[in-house]
């Protein structure tokens, strides 16, 4: 029999995938609990103990933060953004958004545009650009669908390395790796919007086919599509500034609109085989 904690981690992994795949509609607790193979009462307790949030608060936060990103990086109407996040009307969405951010969606859109313009001006005046950030000019590529085994990491990026270590240990024992494993990260949240302790990141390894989830090890097939690829060379410590430049400057300069899917970090040269100054990472930003 599985240890209780391992079984609960499996349930949580299934539940999180279901929630994140269905944010476009109204999600009922009984639907999520059914996906986790638990009763509603038991699931609610397990979810709160493992995430620190109630199911309701977690779903609401994801919907609102997802909406905030759309307000910044798209020209979509507030009504369309509300509808795409499962709200029946503009008014209900506005009330939920204002409760979370203490401003209306329109006020948020105007404020964040001013902040972005200030950042652009500061980068320009300080001669900061892709070259000074050791990042190549972006290329457009269409990535294929991918089979991934992964571990969900929540919290500071400083501890992501430990998730990759556990993932690779599992993968090595299961013989699911290619001769040279392909690792990548799925970046779900913008740290400017999400508190550090709630930031979601999936440490992933590409596998040949579907694998059976066990404990904290999950499986997902992610949809490929159109991505702007920014190749960066250097230590991981500089990721935040590179990301900020991409999202605050590059997307606007090129009039690229974000697609509704998470960004990927593709590790071309990574530890333990390379020194930090020689790490090579592709930032894969989904665009329409």
C-alpha atoms as a PDB file:
ATOM      1  CA  UNK A   1       0.000   0.000   0.000  1.00  0.00           C
ATOM      2  CA  UNK A   2       1.252   3.484  -0.829  1.00  0.00           C
ATOM      3  CA  UNK A   3       2.159   5.822   1.948  1.00  0.00           C
ATOM      4  CA  UNK A   4      -0.585   8.334   2.602  1.00  0.00           C
ATOM      5  CA  UNK A   5       1.638  11.283   1.674  1.00  0.00           C
ATOM      6  CA  UNK A   6       2.555   9.726  -1.675  1.00  0.00           C
ATOM      7  CA  UNK A   7      -1.075   9.002  -2.506  1.00  0.00           C
ATOM      8  CA  UNK A   8      -2.038  12.534  -1.547  1.00  0.00           C
ATOM      9  CA  UNK A   9       0.697  13.980  -3.776  1.00  0.00           C
ATOM     10  CA  UNK A  10      -0.686  11.967  -6.688  1.00  0.00           C
ATOM     11  CA  UNK A  11      -4.169  13.302  -5.955  1.00  0.00           C
ATOM     12  CA  UNK A  12      -2.888  16.868  -5.760  1.00  0.00           C
ATOM     13  CA  UNK A  13      -0.985  16.537  -9.045  1.00  0.00           C
ATOM     14  CA  UNK A  14      -4.107  15.293 -10.849  1.00  0.00           C
ATOM     15  CA  UNK A  15      -6.231  18.039  -9.285  1.00  0.00           C
ATOM     16  CA  UNK A  16      -3.819  20.837 -10.211  1.00  0.00           C
ATOM     17  CA  UNK A  17      -3.656  19.653 -13.816  1.00  0.00           C
ATOM     18  CA  UNK A  18      -7.447  19.550 -14.012  1.00  0.00           C
ATOM     19  CA  UNK A  19      -7.815  23.050 -12.557  1.00  0.00           C
ATOM     20  CA  UNK A  20      -5.158  24.580 -14.792  1.00  0.00           C
ATOM     21  CA  UNK A  21      -6.648  22.962 -17.889  1.00  0.00           C
ATOM     22  CA  UNK A  22     -10.139  24.256 -17.126  1.00  0.00           C
ATOM     23  CA  UNK A  23      -9.677  27.842 -15.961  1.00  0.00           C
ATOM     24  CA  UNK A  24     -11.760  29.009 -18.923  1.00  0.00           C
ATOM     25  CA  UNK A  25     -14.939  27.779 -17.254  1.00  0.00           C
ATOM     26  CA  UNK A  26     -16.635  27.619 -13.873  1.00  0.00           C
ATOM     27  CA  UNK A  27     -15.078  24.705 -11.966  1.00  0.00           C
ATOM     28  CA  UNK A  28     -17.012  22.854  -9.276  1.00  0.00           C
ATOM     29  CA  UNK A  29     -15.348  21.321  -6.207  1.00  0.00           C
ATOM     30  CA  UNK A  30     -16.986  17.953  -6.880  1.00  0.00           C
ATOM     31  CA  UNK A  31     -15.408  17.874 -10.364  1.00  0.00           C
ATOM     32  CA  UNK A  32     -11.922  18.495  -8.993  1.00  0.00           C
ATOM     33  CA  UNK A  33     -12.369  15.987  -6.152  1.00  0.00           C
ATOM     34  CA  UNK A  34     -13.538  13.363  -8.625  1.00  0.00           C
ATOM     35  CA  UNK A  35     -10.410  13.957 -10.704  1.00  0.00           C
ATOM     36  CA  UNK A  36      -8.323  13.477  -7.536  1.00  0.00           C
ATOM     37  CA  UNK A  37     -10.174  10.224  -6.658  1.00  0.00           C
ATOM     38  CA  UNK A  38     -11.188  11.607  -3.259  1.00  0.00           C
ATOM     39  CA  UNK A  39     -14.413  12.651  -1.563  1.00  0.00           C
ATOM     40  CA  UNK A  40     -15.122  16.393  -1.591  1.00  0.00           C
ATOM     41  CA  UNK A  41     -14.571  16.692   2.163  1.00  0.00           C
ATOM     42  CA  UNK A  42     -11.336  14.693   2.185  1.00  0.00           C
ATOM     43  CA  UNK A  43      -9.997  16.399  -0.921  1.00  0.00           C
ATOM     44  CA  UNK A  44     -10.625  19.879   0.452  1.00  0.00           C
ATOM     45  CA  UNK A  45      -8.609  19.052   3.586  1.00  0.00           C
ATOM     46  CA  UNK A  46      -5.761  17.468   1.617  1.00  0.00           C
ATOM     47  CA  UNK A  47      -5.601  20.390  -0.822  1.00  0.00           C
ATOM     48  CA  UNK A  48      -5.482  23.003   1.946  1.00  0.00           C
ATOM     49  CA  UNK A  49      -2.817  21.106   3.904  1.00  0.00           C
ATOM     50  CA  UNK A  50      -0.543  20.699   0.862  1.00  0.00           C
ATOM     51  CA  UNK A  51      -0.991  24.107  -0.789  1.00  0.00           C
ATOM     52  CA  UNK A  52      -1.881  26.422   2.081  1.00  0.00           C
ATOM     53  CA  UNK A  53      -4.922  27.664   0.139  1.00  0.00           C
ATOM     54  CA  UNK A  54      -8.511  26.558  -0.120  1.00  0.00           C
ATOM     55  CA  UNK A  55      -9.598  25.226  -3.493  1.00  0.00           C
ATOM     56  CA  UNK A  56     -11.830  28.258  -3.998  1.00  0.00           C
ATOM     57  CA  UNK A  57      -9.063  30.755  -3.206  1.00  0.00           C
ATOM     58  CA  UNK A  58      -6.580  28.925  -5.428  1.00  0.00           C
ATOM     59  CA  UNK A  59      -8.903  28.840  -8.444  1.00  0.00           C
ATOM     60  CA  UNK A  60      -9.884  32.488  -7.960  1.00  0.00           C
ATOM     61  CA  UNK A  61      -6.254  33.585  -7.719  1.00  0.00           C
ATOM     62  CA  UNK A  62      -5.256  31.779 -10.898  1.00  0.00           C
ATOM     63  CA  UNK A  63      -8.172  33.245 -12.830  1.00  0.00           C
ATOM     64  CA  UNK A  64      -7.494  36.803 -11.637  1.00  0.00           C
ATOM     65  CA  UNK A  65      -3.728  36.669 -12.161  1.00  0.00           C
ATOM     66  CA  UNK A  66      -4.242  35.115 -15.605  1.00  0.00           C
ATOM     67  CA  UNK A  67      -6.636  37.952 -16.403  1.00  0.00           C
ATOM     68  CA  UNK A  68      -4.129  40.558 -15.223  1.00  0.00           C
ATOM     69  CA  UNK A  69      -1.532  39.208 -17.647  1.00  0.00           C
ATOM     70  CA  UNK A  70      -4.059  39.471 -20.490  1.00  0.00           C
ATOM     71  CA  UNK A  71      -4.867  43.048 -19.513  1.00  0.00           C
ATOM     72  CA  UNK A  72      -1.196  43.929 -19.839  1.00  0.00           C
ATOM     73  CA  UNK A  73      -0.308  42.013 -22.981  1.00  0.00           C
ATOM     74  CA  UNK A  74      -3.432  42.046 -25.141  1.00  0.00           C
ATOM     75  CA  UNK A  75      -5.951  44.452 -26.605  1.00  0.00           C
ATOM     76  CA  UNK A  76      -8.844  42.153 -25.694  1.00  0.00           C
ATOM     77  CA  UNK A  77     -11.878  43.786 -24.145  1.00  0.00           C
ATOM     78  CA  UNK A  78     -12.455  43.348 -20.437  1.00  0.00           C
ATOM     79  CA  UNK A  79     -15.703  41.552 -21.236  1.00  0.00           C
ATOM     80  CA  UNK A  80     -13.859  39.020 -23.426  1.00  0.00           C
ATOM     81  CA  UNK A  81     -11.213  38.437 -20.768  1.00  0.00           C
ATOM     82  CA  UNK A  82     -13.943  37.888 -18.185  1.00  0.00           C
ATOM     83  CA  UNK A  83     -15.761  35.395 -20.425  1.00  0.00           C
ATOM     84  CA  UNK A  84     -12.538  33.497 -21.217  1.00  0.00           C
ATOM     85  CA  UNK A  85     -11.951  32.994 -17.502  1.00  0.00           C
ATOM     86  CA  UNK A  86     -15.344  31.539 -16.757  1.00  0.00           C
ATOM     87  CA  UNK A  87     -17.166  34.677 -15.579  1.00  0.00           C
ATOM     88  CA  UNK A  88     -20.721  35.064 -16.753  1.00  0.00           C
ATOM     89  CA  UNK A  89     -20.559  38.843 -17.063  1.00  0.00           C
ATOM     90  CA  UNK A  90     -18.325  41.908 -16.882  1.00  0.00           C
ATOM     91  CA  UNK A  91     -19.710  43.041 -13.508  1.00  0.00           C
ATOM     92  CA  UNK A  92     -19.007  39.792 -11.645  1.00  0.00           C
ATOM     93  CA  UNK A  93     -15.463  39.744 -12.988  1.00  0.00           C
ATOM     94  CA  UNK A  94     -14.868  43.389 -12.068  1.00  0.00           C
ATOM     95  CA  UNK A  95     -15.981  42.799  -8.468  1.00  0.00           C
ATOM     96  CA  UNK A  96     -13.681  39.775  -8.106  1.00  0.00           C
ATOM     97  CA  UNK A  97     -10.765  41.611  -9.725  1.00  0.00           C
ATOM     98  CA  UNK A  98     -11.192  44.706  -7.565  1.00  0.00           C
ATOM     99  CA  UNK A  99     -11.356  42.615  -4.404  1.00  0.00           C
ATOM    100  CA  UNK A 100      -8.043  41.007  -5.330  1.00  0.00           C
ATOM    101  CA  UNK A 101      -6.105  44.004  -6.730  1.00  0.00           C
ATOM    102  CA  UNK A 102      -7.976  46.923  -5.071  1.00  0.00           C
ATOM    103  CA  UNK A 103      -8.631  48.461  -8.481  1.00  0.00           C
ATOM    104  CA  UNK A 104     -10.873  47.789 -11.460  1.00  0.00           C
ATOM    105  CA  UNK A 105      -9.568  45.904 -14.513  1.00  0.00           C
ATOM    106  CA  UNK A 106      -9.527  49.152 -16.531  1.00  0.00           C
ATOM    107  CA  UNK A 107      -7.598  50.985 -13.804  1.00  0.00           C
ATOM    108  CA  UNK A 108      -5.147  48.083 -13.638  1.00  0.00           C
ATOM    109  CA  UNK A 109      -4.638  48.112 -17.413  1.00  0.00           C
ATOM    110  CA  UNK A 110      -3.908  51.843 -17.407  1.00  0.00           C
ATOM    111  CA  UNK A 111      -1.533  51.615 -14.429  1.00  0.00           C
ATOM    112  CA  UNK A 112       0.443  48.660 -15.737  1.00  0.00           C
ATOM    113  CA  UNK A 113       0.858  50.379 -19.113  1.00  0.00           C
ATOM    114  CA  UNK A 114       2.368  53.380 -17.337  1.00  0.00           C
ATOM    115  CA  UNK A 115       4.703  51.099 -15.366  1.00  0.00           C
ATOM    116  CA  UNK A 116       5.754  49.315 -18.556  1.00  0.00           C
ATOM    117  CA  UNK A 117       6.451  52.632 -20.322  1.00  0.00           C
ATOM    118  CA  UNK A 118       8.640  53.722 -17.386  1.00  0.00           C
ATOM    119  CA  UNK A 119      10.574  50.444 -17.527  1.00  0.00           C
ATOM    120  CA  UNK A 120      11.120  50.835 -21.260  1.00  0.00           C
ATOM    121  CA  UNK A 121      12.458  54.340 -20.738  1.00  0.00           C
ATOM    122  CA  UNK A 122      14.780  53.209 -17.934  1.00  0.00           C
ATOM    123  CA  UNK A 123      16.194  50.337 -19.983  1.00  0.00           C
ATOM    124  CA  UNK A 124      16.834  52.715 -22.888  1.00  0.00           C
ATOM    125  CA  UNK A 125      18.493  55.402 -20.788  1.00  0.00           C
ATOM    126  CA  UNK A 126      20.739  52.820 -19.096  1.00  0.00           C
ATOM    127  CA  UNK A 127      21.718  51.229 -22.430  1.00  0.00           C
ATOM    128  CA  UNK A 128      20.328  47.845 -21.387  1.00  0.00           C
ATOM    129  CA  UNK A 129      19.342  45.647 -24.303  1.00  0.00           C
ATOM    130  CA  UNK A 130      19.399  42.013 -25.410  1.00  0.00           C
ATOM    131  CA  UNK A 131      23.114  42.200 -26.218  1.00  0.00           C
ATOM    132  CA  UNK A 132      24.086  43.541 -22.799  1.00  0.00           C
ATOM    133  CA  UNK A 133      21.879  40.833 -21.265  1.00  0.00           C
ATOM    134  CA  UNK A 134      23.816  38.167 -23.224  1.00  0.00           C
ATOM    135  CA  UNK A 135      20.671  37.221 -25.119  1.00  0.00           C
ATOM    136  CA  UNK A 136      20.397  36.644 -28.858  1.00  0.00           C
ATOM    137  CA  UNK A 137      17.791  38.297 -31.053  1.00  0.00           C
ATOM    138  CA  UNK A 138      14.619  36.193 -30.970  1.00  0.00           C
ATOM    139  CA  UNK A 139      13.620  33.677 -33.613  1.00  0.00           C
ATOM    140  CA  UNK A 140      10.132  32.330 -34.275  1.00  0.00           C
ATOM    141  CA  UNK A 141       9.725  28.561 -34.074  1.00  0.00           C
ATOM    142  CA  UNK A 142       6.831  26.138 -34.020  1.00  0.00           C
ATOM    143  CA  UNK A 143       7.455  23.605 -31.258  1.00  0.00           C
ATOM    144  CA  UNK A 144       5.869  20.133 -31.381  1.00  0.00           C
ATOM    145  CA  UNK A 145       3.640  18.595 -28.713  1.00  0.00           C
ATOM    146  CA  UNK A 146       5.752  17.134 -25.916  1.00  0.00           C
ATOM    147  CA  UNK A 147       5.416  14.186 -23.517  1.00  0.00           C
ATOM    148  CA  UNK A 148       6.754  15.254 -20.131  1.00  0.00           C
ATOM    149  CA  UNK A 149       7.382  13.703 -16.743  1.00  0.00           C
ATOM    150  CA  UNK A 150       7.524  16.457 -14.153  1.00  0.00           C
ATOM    151  CA  UNK A 151       7.574  17.556 -10.537  1.00  0.00           C
ATOM    152  CA  UNK A 152       5.574  20.609  -9.513  1.00  0.00           C
ATOM    153  CA  UNK A 153       7.680  23.090  -7.558  1.00  0.00           C
ATOM    154  CA  UNK A 154       5.939  25.859  -5.618  1.00  0.00           C
ATOM    155  CA  UNK A 155       7.856  28.727  -4.064  1.00  0.00           C
ATOM    156  CA  UNK A 156      11.271  30.319  -4.506  1.00  0.00           C
ATOM    157  CA  UNK A 157      13.158  29.438  -7.674  1.00  0.00           C
ATOM    158  CA  UNK A 158      16.247  28.973  -5.475  1.00  0.00           C
ATOM    159  CA  UNK A 159      15.113  25.420  -4.679  1.00  0.00           C
ATOM    160  CA  UNK A 160      14.100  24.316  -8.191  1.00  0.00           C
ATOM    161  CA  UNK A 161      17.396  22.444  -8.504  1.00  0.00           C
ATOM    162  CA  UNK A 162      16.257  19.942  -5.852  1.00  0.00           C
ATOM    163  CA  UNK A 163      13.105  19.160  -7.829  1.00  0.00           C
ATOM    164  CA  UNK A 164      15.197  18.428 -10.916  1.00  0.00           C
ATOM    165  CA  UNK A 165      17.491  16.166  -8.891  1.00  0.00           C
ATOM    166  CA  UNK A 166      14.560  14.079  -7.619  1.00  0.00           C
ATOM    167  CA  UNK A 167      13.021  13.974 -11.097  1.00  0.00           C
ATOM    168  CA  UNK A 168      16.219  12.753 -12.748  1.00  0.00           C
ATOM    169  CA  UNK A 169      16.764  10.152 -10.034  1.00  0.00           C
ATOM    170  CA  UNK A 170      13.267   8.768 -10.714  1.00  0.00           C
ATOM    171  CA  UNK A 171      13.728   8.921 -14.494  1.00  0.00           C
ATOM    172  CA  UNK A 172      17.064   7.107 -14.334  1.00  0.00           C
ATOM    173  CA  UNK A 173      15.519   4.266 -12.329  1.00  0.00           C
ATOM    174  CA  UNK A 174      12.602   3.997 -14.750  1.00  0.00           C
ATOM    175  CA  UNK A 175      14.822   3.946 -17.877  1.00  0.00           C
ATOM    176  CA  UNK A 176      12.557   6.539 -19.536  1.00  0.00           C
ATOM    177  CA  UNK A 177      15.383   8.843 -20.555  1.00  0.00           C
ATOM    178  CA  UNK A 178      17.066   9.216 -23.896  1.00  0.00           C
ATOM    179  CA  UNK A 179      20.849   8.914 -23.970  1.00  0.00           C
ATOM    180  CA  UNK A 180      21.080  12.679 -23.549  1.00  0.00           C
ATOM    181  CA  UNK A 181      18.062  13.798 -21.497  1.00  0.00           C
ATOM    182  CA  UNK A 182      16.149  16.891 -22.552  1.00  0.00           C
ATOM    183  CA  UNK A 183      15.100  19.001 -19.584  1.00  0.00           C
ATOM    184  CA  UNK A 184      12.904  22.048 -19.509  1.00  0.00           C
ATOM    185  CA  UNK A 185      10.886  24.142 -17.107  1.00  0.00           C
ATOM    186  CA  UNK A 186       7.289  25.309 -17.392  1.00  0.00           C
ATOM    187  CA  UNK A 187       6.906  28.822 -15.998  1.00  0.00           C
ATOM    188  CA  UNK A 188       3.320  29.340 -14.891  1.00  0.00           C
ATOM    189  CA  UNK A 189       3.428  32.639 -13.012  1.00  0.00           C
ATOM    190  CA  UNK A 190       4.732  36.190 -13.236  1.00  0.00           C
ATOM    191  CA  UNK A 191       6.559  37.044  -9.967  1.00  0.00           C
ATOM    192  CA  UNK A 192       5.305  40.625 -10.327  1.00  0.00           C
ATOM    193  CA  UNK A 193       1.770  39.267  -9.857  1.00  0.00           C
ATOM    194  CA  UNK A 194       2.227  36.181  -7.709  1.00  0.00           C
ATOM    195  CA  UNK A 195       3.658  36.048  -4.196  1.00  0.00           C
ATOM    196  CA  UNK A 196       6.951  34.148  -4.165  1.00  0.00           C
ATOM    197  CA  UNK A 197       5.686  31.340  -1.942  1.00  0.00           C
ATOM    198  CA  UNK A 198       2.871  30.637  -4.448  1.00  0.00           C
ATOM    199  CA  UNK A 199       4.856  30.770  -7.704  1.00  0.00           C
ATOM    200  CA  UNK A 200       4.342  27.561  -9.740  1.00  0.00           C
ATOM    201  CA  UNK A 201       7.090  25.919 -11.762  1.00  0.00           C
ATOM    202  CA  UNK A 202       7.223  22.455 -13.344  1.00  0.00           C
ATOM    203  CA  UNK A 203      10.629  20.763 -13.503  1.00  0.00           C
ATOM    204  CA  UNK A 204      10.313  18.540 -16.593  1.00  0.00           C
ATOM    205  CA  UNK A 205      12.122  15.890 -18.565  1.00  0.00           C
ATOM    206  CA  UNK A 206      11.015  14.870 -22.056  1.00  0.00           C
ATOM    207  CA  UNK A 207       9.908  11.221 -22.287  1.00  0.00           C
ATOM    208  CA  UNK A 208       9.105   9.129 -25.347  1.00  0.00           C
ATOM    209  CA  UNK A 209       5.515   8.307 -24.391  1.00  0.00           C
ATOM    210  CA  UNK A 210       2.980   8.554 -21.593  1.00  0.00           C
ATOM    211  CA  UNK A 211       4.234   7.390 -18.196  1.00  0.00           C
ATOM    212  CA  UNK A 212       2.260   6.415 -15.117  1.00  0.00           C
ATOM    213  CA  UNK A 213       2.212   9.126 -12.443  1.00  0.00           C
ATOM    214  CA  UNK A 214       3.533   8.066  -9.046  1.00  0.00           C
ATOM    215  CA  UNK A 215       3.742  10.205  -5.925  1.00  0.00           C
ATOM    216  CA  UNK A 216       5.032  13.658  -6.811  1.00  0.00           C
ATOM    217  CA  UNK A 217       5.953  12.553 -10.346  1.00  0.00           C
ATOM    218  CA  UNK A 218       3.308  13.682 -12.809  1.00  0.00           C
ATOM    219  CA  UNK A 219       2.827  13.232 -16.515  1.00  0.00           C
ATOM    220  CA  UNK A 220       1.466  15.703 -19.032  1.00  0.00           C
ATOM    221  CA  UNK A 221       1.361  16.144 -22.762  1.00  0.00           C
ATOM    222  CA  UNK A 222       1.702  19.817 -23.564  1.00  0.00           C
ATOM    223  CA  UNK A 223       0.544  21.461 -26.735  1.00  0.00           C
ATOM    224  CA  UNK A 224       3.185  22.872 -29.033  1.00  0.00           C
ATOM    225  CA  UNK A 225       2.690  25.934 -31.178  1.00  0.00           C
ATOM    226  CA  UNK A 226       4.246  29.256 -32.052  1.00  0.00           C
ATOM    227  CA  UNK A 227       6.976  30.551 -29.756  1.00  0.00           C
ATOM    228  CA  UNK A 228       9.430  33.439 -29.761  1.00  0.00           C
ATOM    229  CA  UNK A 229      12.764  31.897 -28.748  1.00  0.00           C
ATOM    230  CA  UNK A 230      15.294  34.039 -26.881  1.00  0.00           C
ATOM    231  CA  UNK A 231      18.643  32.261 -26.369  1.00  0.00           C
ATOM    232  CA  UNK A 232      20.471  33.407 -23.240  1.00  0.00           C
ATOM    233  CA  UNK A 233      23.998  32.479 -22.165  1.00  0.00           C
ATOM    234  CA  UNK A 234      24.962  32.832 -18.530  1.00  0.00           C
ATOM    235  CA  UNK A 235      24.065  32.082 -14.945  1.00  0.00           C
ATOM    236  CA  UNK A 236      20.509  31.493 -13.808  1.00  0.00           C
ATOM    237  CA  UNK A 237      20.759  34.415 -11.371  1.00  0.00           C
ATOM    238  CA  UNK A 238      20.109  36.822 -14.256  1.00  0.00           C
ATOM    239  CA  UNK A 239      16.860  35.181 -15.364  1.00  0.00           C
ATOM    240  CA  UNK A 240      14.583  37.788 -13.685  1.00  0.00           C
ATOM    241  CA  UNK A 241      16.084  40.741 -15.592  1.00  0.00           C
ATOM    242  CA  UNK A 242      16.083  38.865 -18.918  1.00  0.00           C
ATOM    243  CA  UNK A 243      12.437  37.928 -18.427  1.00  0.00           C
ATOM    244  CA  UNK A 244      11.503  41.466 -17.452  1.00  0.00           C
ATOM    245  CA  UNK A 245      13.212  42.891 -20.538  1.00  0.00           C
ATOM    246  CA  UNK A 246      11.480  40.381 -22.809  1.00  0.00           C
ATOM    247  CA  UNK A 247       8.029  41.049 -21.381  1.00  0.00           C
ATOM    248  CA  UNK A 248       8.419  44.794 -20.841  1.00  0.00           C
ATOM    249  CA  UNK A 249      10.296  45.713 -24.021  1.00  0.00           C
ATOM    250  CA  UNK A 250      10.623  42.999 -26.671  1.00  0.00           C
ATOM    251  CA  UNK A 251       6.978  41.962 -26.866  1.00  0.00           C
ATOM    252  CA  UNK A 252       5.881  45.586 -27.272  1.00  0.00           C
ATOM    253  CA  UNK A 253       8.620  46.527 -29.764  1.00  0.00           C
ATOM    254  CA  UNK A 254       7.575  43.671 -32.042  1.00  0.00           C
ATOM    255  CA  UNK A 255       3.826  43.957 -31.413  1.00  0.00           C
ATOM    256  CA  UNK A 256       3.698  40.319 -30.316  1.00  0.00           C
ATOM    257  CA  UNK A 257       0.644  39.233 -28.354  1.00  0.00           C
ATOM    258  CA  UNK A 258       1.008  36.480 -25.772  1.00  0.00           C
ATOM    259  CA  UNK A 259      -0.765  33.196 -26.395  1.00  0.00           C
ATOM    260  CA  UNK A 260      -2.735  31.717 -23.511  1.00  0.00           C
ATOM    261  CA  UNK A 261      -0.184  29.134 -22.404  1.00  0.00           C
ATOM    262  CA  UNK A 262       2.847  29.157 -20.096  1.00  0.00           C
ATOM    263  CA  UNK A 263       6.387  30.027 -21.107  1.00  0.00           C
ATOM    264  CA  UNK A 264       9.045  27.327 -21.322  1.00  0.00           C
ATOM    265  CA  UNK A 265      12.698  27.305 -20.281  1.00  0.00           C
ATOM    266  CA  UNK A 266      14.645  24.898 -22.484  1.00  0.00           C
ATOM    267  CA  UNK A 267      18.006  23.977 -20.940  1.00  0.00           C
ATOM    268  CA  UNK A 268      20.510  23.585 -23.786  1.00  0.00           C
ATOM    269  CA  UNK A 269      23.662  23.609 -21.620  1.00  0.00           C
ATOM    270  CA  UNK A 270      23.005  23.118 -17.930  1.00  0.00           C
ATOM    271  CA  UNK A 271      24.480  21.766 -14.696  1.00  0.00           C
ATOM    272  CA  UNK A 272      26.228  19.558 -13.785  1.00  0.00           C
ATOM    273  CA  UNK A 273      28.012  19.402 -17.144  1.00  0.00           C
ATOM    274  CA  UNK A 274      28.715  23.139 -17.543  1.00  0.00           C
ATOM    275  CA  UNK A 275      29.842  26.065 -15.430  1.00  0.00           C
ATOM    276  CA  UNK A 276      27.296  28.866 -14.783  1.00  0.00           C
ATOM    277  CA  UNK A 277      28.936  31.283 -17.234  1.00  0.00           C
ATOM    278  CA  UNK A 278      28.487  28.672 -19.977  1.00  0.00           C
ATOM    279  CA  UNK A 279      24.867  27.753 -19.292  1.00  0.00           C
ATOM    280  CA  UNK A 280      22.676  28.179 -22.374  1.00  0.00           C
ATOM    281  CA  UNK A 281      18.917  28.515 -21.972  1.00  0.00           C
ATOM    282  CA  UNK A 282      16.194  29.119 -24.521  1.00  0.00           C
ATOM    283  CA  UNK A 283      13.368  31.273 -23.194  1.00  0.00           C
ATOM    284  CA  UNK A 284      10.347  30.095 -25.184  1.00  0.00           C
ATOM    285  CA  UNK A 285       7.606  32.720 -25.038  1.00  0.00           C
ATOM    286  CA  UNK A 286       4.232  31.641 -26.490  1.00  0.00           C
ATOM    287  CA  UNK A 287       2.811  34.151 -28.977  1.00  0.00           C
ATOM    288  CA  UNK A 288      -0.197  34.306 -31.286  1.00  0.00           C
END
